[in-house]
Amino acid sequence: MTKSELIAKLAEANPHLYQRDVERIVTTIFDEITNALADGDRVELRGFGAFSVKERGARTGRNPRTGEAVHVDAKSTPYFKTGKQLREKLNAPR
């Protein structure tokens, strides 16, 4: 599902809201999650999962074409851990 499909589905489920308002709500939620992660905070949505940031240290990698050693800088990567309810729903018999 893409962001635009999510917005369309939410607008359809909430006919009392304008689509532009639903789009603004979804964008605001995503922006707040992004800003919290950029600040180093953890975002937990009960039953759904938790977003956090993992730090990857600097390391020596290899250029796959030449085999030459290459320095890879440290970086931060987003990490998502599913919540118990989501995991149970995904693994429920159909």
N, C-alpha and C. Protein backbone atom coordinates (compact mmCIF):
# COMPACT_ATOMS: atom_id res chain seq x y z
N MET A 1 0.84 -1.18 0.00
CA MET A 1 0.00 0.00 0.00
C MET A 1 0.89 1.24 0.00
N THR A 2 0.60 2.15 -0.87
CA THR A 2 1.34 3.40 -0.93
C THR A 2 0.66 4.45 -0.06
N LYS A 3 1.35 5.56 0.15
CA LYS A 3 0.80 6.64 0.97
C LYS A 3 -0.51 7.15 0.37
N SER A 4 -0.56 7.33 -0.93
CA SER A 4 -1.78 7.84 -1.57
C SER A 4 -2.93 6.83 -1.44
N GLU A 5 -2.63 5.52 -1.50
CA GLU A 5 -3.66 4.51 -1.31
C GLU A 5 -4.17 4.53 0.13
N LEU A 6 -3.28 4.73 1.09
CA LEU A 6 -3.67 4.84 2.49
C LEU A 6 -4.59 6.04 2.69
N ILE A 7 -4.23 7.16 2.12
CA ILE A 7 -5.05 8.37 2.25
C ILE A 7 -6.43 8.14 1.64
N ALA A 8 -6.48 7.54 0.46
CA ALA A 8 -7.76 7.27 -0.20
C ALA A 8 -8.63 6.34 0.64
N LYS A 9 -8.03 5.31 1.22
CA LYS A 9 -8.78 4.35 2.03
C LYS A 9 -9.32 5.01 3.30
N LEU A 10 -8.49 5.85 3.95
CA LEU A 10 -8.94 6.55 5.15
C LEU A 10 -10.04 7.56 4.82
N ALA A 11 -9.91 8.25 3.70
CA ALA A 11 -10.94 9.22 3.28
C ALA A 11 -12.25 8.50 2.98
N GLU A 12 -12.17 7.32 2.38
CA GLU A 12 -13.36 6.53 2.08
C GLU A 12 -14.03 6.05 3.37
N ALA A 13 -13.23 5.67 4.35
CA ALA A 13 -13.77 5.18 5.62
C ALA A 13 -14.31 6.30 6.50
N ASN A 14 -13.90 7.54 6.21
CA ASN A 14 -14.35 8.70 7.00
C ASN A 14 -14.93 9.76 6.06
N PRO A 15 -16.16 9.52 5.57
CA PRO A 15 -16.73 10.45 4.58
C PRO A 15 -16.99 11.85 5.12
N HIS A 16 -16.98 12.02 6.44
CA HIS A 16 -17.20 13.34 7.03
C HIS A 16 -15.94 14.22 6.96
N LEU A 17 -14.81 13.64 6.54
CA LEU A 17 -13.56 14.40 6.40
C LEU A 17 -13.25 14.60 4.91
N TYR A 18 -12.70 15.77 4.61
CA TYR A 18 -12.25 16.02 3.25
C TYR A 18 -10.95 15.26 3.01
N GLN A 19 -10.73 14.86 1.76
CA GLN A 19 -9.51 14.11 1.43
C GLN A 19 -8.26 14.93 1.74
N ARG A 20 -8.30 16.25 1.51
CA ARG A 20 -7.13 17.08 1.79
C ARG A 20 -6.82 17.11 3.28
N ASP A 21 -7.87 17.01 4.13
CA ASP A 21 -7.64 16.97 5.58
C ASP A 21 -7.02 15.64 5.99
N VAL A 22 -7.49 14.54 5.39
CA VAL A 22 -6.93 13.22 5.67
C VAL A 22 -5.47 13.19 5.24
N GLU A 23 -5.18 13.79 4.08
CA GLU A 23 -3.80 13.84 3.58
C GLU A 23 -2.92 14.63 4.55
N ARG A 24 -3.42 15.73 5.07
CA ARG A 24 -2.67 16.54 6.02
C ARG A 24 -2.42 15.77 7.33
N ILE A 25 -3.41 15.01 7.78
CA ILE A 25 -3.27 14.21 9.00
C ILE A 25 -2.19 13.14 8.83
N VAL A 26 -2.27 12.39 7.72
CA VAL A 26 -1.31 11.32 7.47
C VAL A 26 0.10 11.89 7.34
N THR A 27 0.24 12.99 6.61
CA THR A 27 1.55 13.62 6.44
C THR A 27 2.10 14.11 7.77
N THR A 28 1.25 14.68 8.61
CA THR A 28 1.68 15.16 9.92
C THR A 28 2.15 14.01 10.79
N ILE A 29 1.43 12.90 10.77
CA ILE A 29 1.85 11.73 11.57
C ILE A 29 3.22 11.23 11.11
N PHE A 30 3.40 11.08 9.80
CA PHE A 30 4.68 10.61 9.28
C PHE A 30 5.80 11.60 9.60
N ASP A 31 5.51 12.90 9.49
CA ASP A 31 6.53 13.91 9.81
C ASP A 31 6.92 13.86 11.28
N GLU A 32 5.95 13.66 12.17
CA GLU A 32 6.25 13.61 13.60
C GLU A 32 7.08 12.37 13.94
N ILE A 33 6.77 11.24 13.32
CA ILE A 33 7.56 10.03 13.54
C ILE A 33 8.99 10.26 13.04
N THR A 34 9.12 10.85 11.87
CA THR A 34 10.44 11.14 11.30
C THR A 34 11.23 12.09 12.17
N ASN A 35 10.58 13.15 12.65
CA ASN A 35 11.27 14.13 13.50
C ASN A 35 11.70 13.51 14.83
N ALA A 36 10.86 12.67 15.41
CA ALA A 36 11.21 12.01 16.67
C ALA A 36 12.43 11.10 16.47
N LEU A 37 12.45 10.34 15.37
CA LEU A 37 13.58 9.47 15.11
C LEU A 37 14.85 10.28 14.85
N ALA A 38 14.71 11.39 14.14
CA ALA A 38 15.87 12.25 13.88
C ALA A 38 16.43 12.83 15.17
N ASP A 39 15.57 13.03 16.17
CA ASP A 39 16.02 13.54 17.47
C ASP A 39 16.56 12.42 18.36
N GLY A 40 16.52 11.20 17.88
CA GLY A 40 17.04 10.06 18.64
C GLY A 40 16.02 9.43 19.56
N ASP A 41 14.76 9.83 19.44
CA ASP A 41 13.70 9.26 20.28
C ASP A 41 13.18 7.96 19.67
N ARG A 42 12.43 7.24 20.48
CA ARG A 42 11.78 6.00 20.06
C ARG A 42 10.29 6.29 19.94
N VAL A 43 9.63 5.74 18.92
CA VAL A 43 8.20 5.94 18.72
C VAL A 43 7.52 4.59 18.84
N GLU A 44 6.61 4.48 19.82
CA GLU A 44 5.92 3.22 20.06
C GLU A 44 4.43 3.41 19.81
N LEU A 45 3.88 2.56 18.95
CA LEU A 45 2.45 2.55 18.67
C LEU A 45 1.93 1.21 19.19
N ARG A 46 1.28 1.25 20.34
CA ARG A 46 0.85 0.02 21.01
C ARG A 46 0.04 -0.88 20.09
N GLY A 47 0.40 -2.15 20.08
CA GLY A 47 -0.28 -3.14 19.25
C GLY A 47 0.24 -3.18 17.82
N PHE A 48 0.91 -2.13 17.38
CA PHE A 48 1.42 -2.08 16.00
C PHE A 48 2.92 -2.36 15.98
N GLY A 49 3.69 -1.56 16.73
CA GLY A 49 5.13 -1.76 16.76
C GLY A 49 5.85 -0.53 17.25
N ALA A 50 7.17 -0.61 17.21
CA ALA A 50 8.00 0.48 17.71
C ALA A 50 9.08 0.81 16.68
N PHE A 51 9.24 2.10 16.43
CA PHE A 51 10.30 2.60 15.55
C PHE A 51 11.43 3.10 16.43
N SER A 52 12.65 2.79 16.06
CA SER A 52 13.81 3.29 16.79
C SER A 52 14.96 3.47 15.81
N VAL A 53 16.06 4.01 16.32
CA VAL A 53 17.23 4.25 15.48
C VAL A 53 18.36 3.38 15.99
N LYS A 54 18.99 2.65 15.10
CA LYS A 54 20.16 1.84 15.44
C LYS A 54 21.40 2.51 14.85
N GLU A 55 22.45 2.52 15.64
CA GLU A 55 23.72 3.09 15.19
C GLU A 55 24.59 1.98 14.63
N ARG A 56 25.10 2.19 13.44
CA ARG A 56 26.02 1.23 12.82
C ARG A 56 27.40 1.88 12.82
N GLY A 57 28.33 1.23 13.41
CA GLY A 57 29.68 1.77 13.52
C GLY A 57 30.42 1.77 12.19
N ALA A 58 31.50 2.52 12.16
CA ALA A 58 32.35 2.54 10.97
C ALA A 58 32.99 1.16 10.80
N ARG A 59 33.24 0.82 9.56
CA ARG A 59 33.82 -0.51 9.29
C ARG A 59 34.59 -0.47 7.98
N THR A 60 35.28 -1.54 7.74
CA THR A 60 35.98 -1.69 6.47
C THR A 60 35.18 -2.64 5.60
N GLY A 61 34.77 -2.16 4.45
CA GLY A 61 34.01 -2.98 3.52
C GLY A 61 34.88 -3.35 2.32
N ARG A 62 34.29 -4.04 1.38
CA ARG A 62 35.01 -4.45 0.19
C ARG A 62 34.24 -3.99 -1.05
N ASN A 63 34.99 -3.47 -2.02
CA ASN A 63 34.40 -3.16 -3.31
C ASN A 63 34.16 -4.49 -4.01
N PRO A 64 32.91 -4.83 -4.33
CA PRO A 64 32.64 -6.15 -4.91
C PRO A 64 33.27 -6.36 -6.28
N ARG A 65 33.52 -5.29 -7.00
CA ARG A 65 34.09 -5.44 -8.34
C ARG A 65 35.60 -5.70 -8.27
N THR A 66 36.31 -4.94 -7.42
CA THR A 66 37.77 -5.06 -7.40
C THR A 66 38.30 -5.81 -6.18
N GLY A 67 37.47 -5.97 -5.15
CA GLY A 67 37.93 -6.63 -3.93
C GLY A 67 38.74 -5.70 -3.04
N GLU A 68 38.89 -4.44 -3.45
CA GLU A 68 39.67 -3.45 -2.70
C GLU A 68 38.95 -3.08 -1.39
N ALA A 69 39.71 -2.92 -0.31
CA ALA A 69 39.15 -2.51 0.97
C ALA A 69 38.70 -1.06 0.88
N VAL A 70 37.49 -0.79 1.42
CA VAL A 70 36.90 0.54 1.37
C VAL A 70 36.41 0.89 2.76
N HIS A 71 36.68 2.14 3.20
CA HIS A 71 36.20 2.59 4.51
C HIS A 71 34.72 2.98 4.40
N VAL A 72 33.88 2.44 5.30
CA VAL A 72 32.46 2.78 5.34
C VAL A 72 32.23 3.55 6.63
N ASP A 73 31.71 4.78 6.52
CA ASP A 73 31.48 5.63 7.69
C ASP A 73 30.37 5.08 8.57
N ALA A 74 30.36 5.52 9.83
CA ALA A 74 29.29 5.18 10.76
C ALA A 74 28.00 5.83 10.28
N LYS A 75 26.86 5.20 10.57
CA LYS A 75 25.59 5.78 10.16
C LYS A 75 24.47 5.30 11.07
N SER A 76 23.38 6.03 11.02
CA SER A 76 22.18 5.68 11.77
C SER A 76 21.17 5.10 10.80
N THR A 77 20.49 4.02 11.22
CA THR A 77 19.48 3.40 10.37
C THR A 77 18.19 3.23 11.16
N PRO A 78 17.04 3.41 10.49
CA PRO A 78 15.77 3.19 11.18
C PRO A 78 15.54 1.71 11.40
N TYR A 79 14.86 1.39 12.48
CA TYR A 79 14.59 0.00 12.83
C TYR A 79 13.14 -0.08 13.28
N PHE A 80 12.42 -1.12 12.86
CA PHE A 80 11.03 -1.32 13.26
C PHE A 80 10.87 -2.69 13.86
N LYS A 81 10.28 -2.74 15.04
CA LYS A 81 9.99 -4.02 15.69
C LYS A 81 8.48 -4.13 15.83
N THR A 82 7.91 -5.22 15.31
CA THR A 82 6.46 -5.38 15.34
C THR A 82 5.95 -5.58 16.76
N GLY A 83 4.73 -5.12 16.99
CA GLY A 83 4.06 -5.33 18.27
C GLY A 83 3.44 -6.72 18.31
N LYS A 84 3.08 -7.13 19.51
CA LYS A 84 2.54 -8.48 19.70
C LYS A 84 1.24 -8.69 18.93
N GLN A 85 0.32 -7.71 18.97
CA GLN A 85 -0.96 -7.86 18.28
C GLN A 85 -0.78 -7.97 16.76
N LEU A 86 0.11 -7.18 16.20
CA LEU A 86 0.37 -7.25 14.76
C LEU A 86 0.97 -8.60 14.40
N ARG A 87 1.94 -9.05 15.19
CA ARG A 87 2.58 -10.34 14.93
C ARG A 87 1.54 -11.48 14.99
N GLU A 88 0.65 -11.42 15.98
CA GLU A 88 -0.38 -12.46 16.12
C GLU A 88 -1.35 -12.45 14.94
N LYS A 89 -1.71 -11.23 14.49
CA LYS A 89 -2.63 -11.12 13.36
C LYS A 89 -2.00 -11.65 12.07
N LEU A 90 -0.72 -11.38 11.88
CA LEU A 90 -0.04 -11.87 10.69
C LEU A 90 0.13 -13.38 10.67
N ASN A 91 0.22 -13.98 11.86
CA ASN A 91 0.45 -15.42 11.96
C ASN A 91 -0.81 -16.22 12.26
N ALA A 92 -1.96 -15.55 12.25
CA ALA A 92 -3.23 -16.24 12.54
C ALA A 92 -3.60 -17.11 11.33
N PRO A 93 -4.21 -18.26 11.60
CA PRO A 93 -4.65 -19.10 10.47
C PRO A 93 -5.73 -18.38 9.67
N ARG A 94 -5.70 -18.59 8.37
CA ARG A 94 -6.68 -17.91 7.49
C ARG A 94 -7.77 -18.83 7.07
